[in-house]
């Protein structure tokens, strides 16, 4: 379960592998011999609103493509020729790190 203070990812984003956090945790859990049968995102309620819950079953078929993609991404990151840029401005699914980046402060 991942508790979110903002919006929770859609089922489509989860199944497409664009909401990776809990899928990666489920994949890592397999390494211990356990199996995550499902993942859930819970949006905590805001004042005057009702919270939301998104439940997605996690069969092995959902995790297998993720393993390959994650392996490719890690190989790319481990390559000394890969630049680690704080903000490329070309994130394929939006800029997930914009809220965390301190680029403006670093750049002066």
N, C-alpha and C. Protein backbone atom coordinates (compact mmCIF):
# COMPACT_ATOMS: atom_id res chain seq x y z
N UNK A 1 0.86 -1.18 0.00
CA UNK A 1 0.00 0.00 0.00
C UNK A 1 0.89 1.23 0.00
N UNK A 2 0.55 2.18 -0.85
CA UNK A 2 1.25 3.46 -0.89
C UNK A 2 0.22 4.54 -0.58
N UNK A 3 0.46 5.27 0.50
CA UNK A 3 -0.42 6.38 0.89
C UNK A 3 0.03 7.63 0.16
N UNK A 4 -0.86 8.25 -0.57
CA UNK A 4 -0.55 9.47 -1.32
C UNK A 4 -1.31 10.65 -0.73
N UNK A 5 -0.65 11.80 -0.68
CA UNK A 5 -1.34 13.01 -0.25
C UNK A 5 -1.97 13.71 -1.45
N UNK A 6 -1.56 13.34 -2.64
CA UNK A 6 -2.13 13.92 -3.86
C UNK A 6 -2.91 12.86 -4.61
N UNK A 7 -2.93 13.01 -5.92
CA UNK A 7 -3.68 12.08 -6.77
C UNK A 7 -2.98 10.73 -6.84
N UNK A 8 -3.77 9.70 -7.01
CA UNK A 8 -3.22 8.36 -7.18
C UNK A 8 -3.15 8.05 -8.68
N UNK A 9 -2.20 7.19 -9.09
CA UNK A 9 -2.10 6.87 -10.51
C UNK A 9 -3.31 6.08 -10.99
N UNK A 10 -3.63 6.26 -12.26
CA UNK A 10 -4.73 5.51 -12.85
C UNK A 10 -4.32 4.05 -13.01
N UNK A 11 -5.31 3.20 -13.14
CA UNK A 11 -5.03 1.77 -13.37
C UNK A 11 -4.24 1.60 -14.67
N UNK A 12 -4.56 2.40 -15.68
CA UNK A 12 -3.84 2.32 -16.96
C UNK A 12 -2.36 2.62 -16.76
N UNK A 13 -2.03 3.67 -16.00
CA UNK A 13 -0.62 4.00 -15.75
C UNK A 13 0.08 2.87 -15.01
N UNK A 14 -0.61 2.26 -14.08
CA UNK A 14 -0.01 1.15 -13.32
C UNK A 14 0.25 -0.02 -14.26
N UNK A 15 -0.76 -0.40 -15.05
CA UNK A 15 -0.62 -1.56 -15.93
C UNK A 15 0.36 -1.31 -17.07
N UNK A 16 0.49 -0.03 -17.49
CA UNK A 16 1.46 0.32 -18.53
C UNK A 16 2.89 0.40 -17.99
N UNK A 17 3.05 0.33 -16.67
CA UNK A 17 4.38 0.42 -16.08
C UNK A 17 4.87 1.84 -15.93
N UNK A 18 3.95 2.81 -15.88
CA UNK A 18 4.37 4.21 -15.71
C UNK A 18 4.23 4.66 -14.26
N UNK A 19 3.65 3.86 -13.40
CA UNK A 19 3.59 4.11 -11.96
C UNK A 19 4.35 2.95 -11.33
N UNK A 20 5.62 3.12 -11.16
CA UNK A 20 6.52 1.99 -10.88
C UNK A 20 6.74 1.66 -9.41
N UNK A 21 6.54 2.58 -8.50
CA UNK A 21 6.98 2.38 -7.14
C UNK A 21 6.52 1.05 -6.54
N UNK A 22 5.24 0.80 -6.50
CA UNK A 22 4.75 -0.43 -5.88
C UNK A 22 5.05 -1.66 -6.72
N UNK A 23 5.11 -1.51 -8.04
CA UNK A 23 5.47 -2.65 -8.88
C UNK A 23 6.91 -3.08 -8.60
N UNK A 24 7.79 -2.12 -8.40
CA UNK A 24 9.18 -2.45 -8.07
C UNK A 24 9.24 -3.13 -6.70
N UNK A 25 8.48 -2.63 -5.74
CA UNK A 25 8.44 -3.29 -4.42
C UNK A 25 7.94 -4.72 -4.55
N UNK A 26 6.92 -4.94 -5.37
CA UNK A 26 6.39 -6.29 -5.57
C UNK A 26 7.45 -7.18 -6.22
N UNK A 27 8.20 -6.62 -7.15
CA UNK A 27 9.26 -7.36 -7.82
C UNK A 27 10.36 -7.73 -6.81
N UNK A 28 10.73 -6.79 -5.96
CA UNK A 28 11.76 -7.06 -4.96
C UNK A 28 11.29 -8.08 -3.94
N UNK A 29 10.01 -8.05 -3.64
CA UNK A 29 9.46 -9.02 -2.69
C UNK A 29 9.61 -10.44 -3.21
N UNK A 30 9.53 -10.62 -4.53
CA UNK A 30 9.72 -11.95 -5.12
C UNK A 30 11.10 -12.50 -4.80
N UNK A 31 12.09 -11.61 -4.67
CA UNK A 31 13.46 -12.05 -4.36
C UNK A 31 13.55 -12.72 -2.99
N UNK A 32 12.60 -12.41 -2.11
CA UNK A 32 12.59 -13.02 -0.77
C UNK A 32 11.80 -14.32 -0.76
N UNK A 33 11.19 -14.66 -1.89
CA UNK A 33 10.38 -15.87 -1.98
C UNK A 33 8.90 -15.60 -1.72
N UNK A 34 8.55 -14.37 -1.39
CA UNK A 34 7.15 -14.00 -1.16
C UNK A 34 6.55 -13.48 -2.46
N UNK A 35 5.24 -13.43 -2.50
CA UNK A 35 4.55 -12.93 -3.68
C UNK A 35 3.55 -11.86 -3.26
N UNK A 36 3.61 -10.71 -3.91
CA UNK A 36 2.61 -9.67 -3.68
C UNK A 36 1.43 -9.99 -4.58
N UNK A 37 0.30 -10.27 -4.00
CA UNK A 37 -0.88 -10.62 -4.78
C UNK A 37 -1.55 -9.40 -5.37
N UNK A 38 -1.34 -8.24 -4.75
CA UNK A 38 -1.97 -7.02 -5.23
C UNK A 38 -1.19 -5.82 -4.70
N UNK A 39 -1.40 -4.68 -5.36
CA UNK A 39 -0.87 -3.42 -4.87
C UNK A 39 -2.04 -2.45 -4.73
N UNK A 40 -1.89 -1.51 -3.81
CA UNK A 40 -2.96 -0.53 -3.62
C UNK A 40 -2.35 0.84 -3.39
N UNK A 41 -2.97 1.82 -4.01
CA UNK A 41 -2.66 3.22 -3.77
C UNK A 41 -3.84 3.81 -3.01
N UNK A 42 -3.57 4.50 -1.93
CA UNK A 42 -4.61 5.16 -1.15
C UNK A 42 -4.36 6.65 -1.18
N UNK A 43 -5.33 7.43 -1.65
CA UNK A 43 -5.24 8.88 -1.61
C UNK A 43 -5.88 9.33 -0.31
N UNK A 44 -5.11 9.98 0.52
CA UNK A 44 -5.63 10.46 1.79
C UNK A 44 -6.64 11.57 1.53
N UNK A 45 -7.73 11.60 2.28
CA UNK A 45 -8.76 12.60 2.01
C UNK A 45 -8.30 14.01 2.35
N UNK A 46 -8.72 14.94 1.50
CA UNK A 46 -8.50 16.35 1.78
C UNK A 46 -9.73 16.87 2.51
N UNK A 47 -9.60 18.01 3.11
CA UNK A 47 -10.70 18.58 3.87
C UNK A 47 -11.96 18.67 3.00
N UNK A 48 -13.02 18.06 3.45
CA UNK A 48 -14.29 18.11 2.73
C UNK A 48 -14.39 17.12 1.58
N UNK A 49 -13.38 16.27 1.38
CA UNK A 49 -13.40 15.30 0.29
C UNK A 49 -13.29 13.88 0.85
N UNK A 50 -13.57 12.94 0.00
CA UNK A 50 -13.44 11.53 0.35
C UNK A 50 -12.15 11.01 -0.26
N UNK A 51 -11.43 10.18 0.47
CA UNK A 51 -10.22 9.58 -0.07
C UNK A 51 -10.54 8.60 -1.18
N UNK A 52 -9.50 8.15 -1.88
CA UNK A 52 -9.67 7.19 -2.97
C UNK A 52 -8.77 5.99 -2.72
N UNK A 53 -9.12 4.89 -3.33
CA UNK A 53 -8.31 3.68 -3.25
C UNK A 53 -8.26 3.04 -4.63
N UNK A 54 -7.08 2.62 -5.05
CA UNK A 54 -6.92 1.92 -6.32
C UNK A 54 -6.26 0.58 -6.02
N UNK A 55 -6.93 -0.50 -6.36
CA UNK A 55 -6.45 -1.87 -6.13
C UNK A 55 -6.14 -2.50 -7.48
N UNK A 56 -4.94 -3.06 -7.61
CA UNK A 56 -4.56 -3.74 -8.86
C UNK A 56 -3.90 -5.06 -8.50
N UNK A 57 -4.42 -6.15 -9.03
CA UNK A 57 -3.78 -7.45 -8.84
C UNK A 57 -2.43 -7.44 -9.53
N UNK A 58 -1.44 -8.13 -8.95
CA UNK A 58 -0.09 -8.13 -9.53
C UNK A 58 0.34 -9.54 -9.92
N UNK A 59 -0.21 -10.04 -11.01
CA UNK A 59 0.25 -11.35 -11.49
C UNK A 59 1.67 -11.25 -12.03
N UNK A 60 2.35 -12.37 -12.11
CA UNK A 60 3.72 -12.39 -12.62
C UNK A 60 3.81 -11.77 -14.01
N UNK A 61 2.76 -11.91 -14.81
CA UNK A 61 2.80 -11.37 -16.17
C UNK A 61 2.91 -9.85 -16.17
N UNK A 62 2.47 -9.20 -15.10
CA UNK A 62 2.60 -7.75 -14.98
C UNK A 62 4.02 -7.35 -14.60
N UNK A 63 4.69 -8.20 -13.84
CA UNK A 63 6.03 -7.87 -13.35
C UNK A 63 7.14 -8.24 -14.33
N UNK A 64 6.93 -9.23 -15.16
CA UNK A 64 7.99 -9.68 -16.07
C UNK A 64 8.49 -8.57 -17.00
N UNK A 65 7.60 -7.84 -17.70
CA UNK A 65 8.11 -6.77 -18.56
C UNK A 65 8.85 -5.69 -17.77
N UNK A 66 8.41 -5.45 -16.54
CA UNK A 66 9.05 -4.45 -15.70
C UNK A 66 10.49 -4.85 -15.38
N UNK A 67 10.72 -6.11 -15.13
CA UNK A 67 12.07 -6.59 -14.81
C UNK A 67 13.03 -6.28 -15.95
N UNK A 68 12.60 -6.52 -17.17
CA UNK A 68 13.46 -6.25 -18.33
C UNK A 68 13.72 -4.75 -18.48
N UNK A 69 12.67 -3.94 -18.36
CA UNK A 69 12.83 -2.49 -18.50
C UNK A 69 13.70 -1.92 -17.39
N UNK A 70 13.53 -2.40 -16.18
CA UNK A 70 14.32 -1.91 -15.06
C UNK A 70 15.79 -2.29 -15.24
N UNK A 71 16.04 -3.49 -15.71
CA UNK A 71 17.41 -3.92 -15.97
C UNK A 71 18.08 -3.04 -17.02
N UNK A 72 17.35 -2.72 -18.08
CA UNK A 72 17.89 -1.85 -19.13
C UNK A 72 18.18 -0.45 -18.59
N UNK A 73 17.27 0.07 -17.77
CA UNK A 73 17.46 1.41 -17.20
C UNK A 73 18.66 1.44 -16.27
N UNK A 74 18.83 0.40 -15.47
CA UNK A 74 19.98 0.36 -14.55
C UNK A 74 21.29 0.25 -15.31
N UNK A 75 21.32 -0.53 -16.38
CA UNK A 75 22.53 -0.63 -17.19
C UNK A 75 22.91 0.72 -17.77
N UNK A 76 21.90 1.46 -18.22
CA UNK A 76 22.14 2.79 -18.77
C UNK A 76 22.70 3.72 -17.69
N UNK A 77 22.11 3.69 -16.50
CA UNK A 77 22.58 4.56 -15.41
C UNK A 77 23.99 4.20 -14.95
N UNK A 78 24.34 2.92 -15.01
CA UNK A 78 25.66 2.49 -14.56
C UNK A 78 26.75 2.76 -15.59
N UNK A 79 26.36 3.07 -16.82
CA UNK A 79 27.33 3.37 -17.87
C UNK A 79 27.97 4.73 -17.58
N UNK A 80 29.30 4.79 -17.42
CA UNK A 80 29.96 6.07 -17.12
C UNK A 80 29.72 7.15 -18.18
N UNK A 81 29.34 6.76 -19.38
CA UNK A 81 29.09 7.73 -20.43
C UNK A 81 27.70 8.36 -20.34
N UNK A 82 26.85 7.86 -19.46
CA UNK A 82 25.50 8.40 -19.32
C UNK A 82 25.52 9.63 -18.43
N UNK A 83 25.15 10.79 -18.97
CA UNK A 83 25.10 11.99 -18.13
C UNK A 83 23.88 11.94 -17.21
N UNK A 84 24.05 12.35 -15.98
CA UNK A 84 22.94 12.40 -15.03
C UNK A 84 22.53 13.86 -14.89
N UNK A 85 21.54 14.25 -15.68
CA UNK A 85 21.10 15.63 -15.77
C UNK A 85 19.91 15.84 -14.83
N UNK A 86 19.92 16.92 -14.07
CA UNK A 86 18.85 17.18 -13.11
C UNK A 86 17.50 17.39 -13.79
N UNK A 87 17.48 18.07 -14.93
CA UNK A 87 16.21 18.35 -15.60
C UNK A 87 16.47 18.46 -17.10
N UNK A 88 16.03 17.46 -17.83
CA UNK A 88 16.24 17.46 -19.28
C UNK A 88 15.17 18.25 -20.00
N UNK A 89 14.03 18.45 -19.35
CA UNK A 89 12.92 19.13 -19.99
C UNK A 89 12.20 18.25 -20.99
N UNK A 90 12.58 16.98 -21.10
CA UNK A 90 11.99 16.09 -22.08
C UNK A 90 11.54 14.77 -21.44
N UNK A 91 10.99 14.83 -20.25
CA UNK A 91 10.53 13.61 -19.59
C UNK A 91 9.35 13.03 -20.36
N UNK A 92 9.40 11.73 -20.71
CA UNK A 92 8.36 11.14 -21.56
C UNK A 92 6.97 11.10 -20.93
N UNK A 93 6.88 11.04 -19.61
CA UNK A 93 5.58 10.94 -18.95
C UNK A 93 5.38 12.10 -17.97
N UNK A 94 5.98 13.24 -18.25
CA UNK A 94 5.89 14.36 -17.32
C UNK A 94 7.15 14.41 -16.48
N UNK A 95 7.36 15.49 -15.80
CA UNK A 95 8.58 15.67 -15.02
C UNK A 95 8.30 15.32 -13.56
N UNK A 96 8.52 14.06 -13.20
CA UNK A 96 8.24 13.59 -11.85
C UNK A 96 9.11 14.26 -10.80
N UNK A 97 10.24 14.83 -11.18
CA UNK A 97 11.18 15.35 -10.21
C UNK A 97 11.15 16.87 -10.10
N UNK A 98 10.28 17.54 -10.83
CA UNK A 98 10.24 19.00 -10.82
C UNK A 98 10.00 19.53 -9.41
N UNK A 99 9.15 18.86 -8.64
CA UNK A 99 8.86 19.31 -7.29
C UNK A 99 10.00 19.09 -6.31
N UNK A 100 10.92 18.20 -6.66
CA UNK A 100 12.05 17.90 -5.77
C UNK A 100 13.32 18.63 -6.16
N UNK A 101 13.40 19.03 -7.40
CA UNK A 101 14.62 19.62 -7.91
C UNK A 101 14.90 20.96 -7.28
N UNK A 102 16.17 21.21 -7.04
CA UNK A 102 16.62 22.52 -6.56
C UNK A 102 17.50 23.16 -7.62
N UNK A 103 17.19 22.86 -8.89
CA UNK A 103 18.03 23.32 -10.00
C UNK A 103 18.20 24.84 -9.99
N UNK A 104 17.10 25.56 -9.79
CA UNK A 104 17.20 27.04 -9.80
C UNK A 104 18.16 27.54 -8.73
N UNK A 105 18.11 26.92 -7.55
CA UNK A 105 19.01 27.34 -6.48
C UNK A 105 20.46 27.00 -6.82
N UNK A 106 20.67 25.81 -7.42
CA UNK A 106 22.03 25.37 -7.75
C UNK A 106 22.62 26.21 -8.88
N UNK A 107 21.76 26.52 -9.84
CA UNK A 107 22.25 27.25 -11.03
C UNK A 107 22.48 28.73 -10.74
N UNK A 108 21.93 29.20 -9.63
CA UNK A 108 22.14 30.62 -9.27
C UNK A 108 21.12 31.42 -9.91
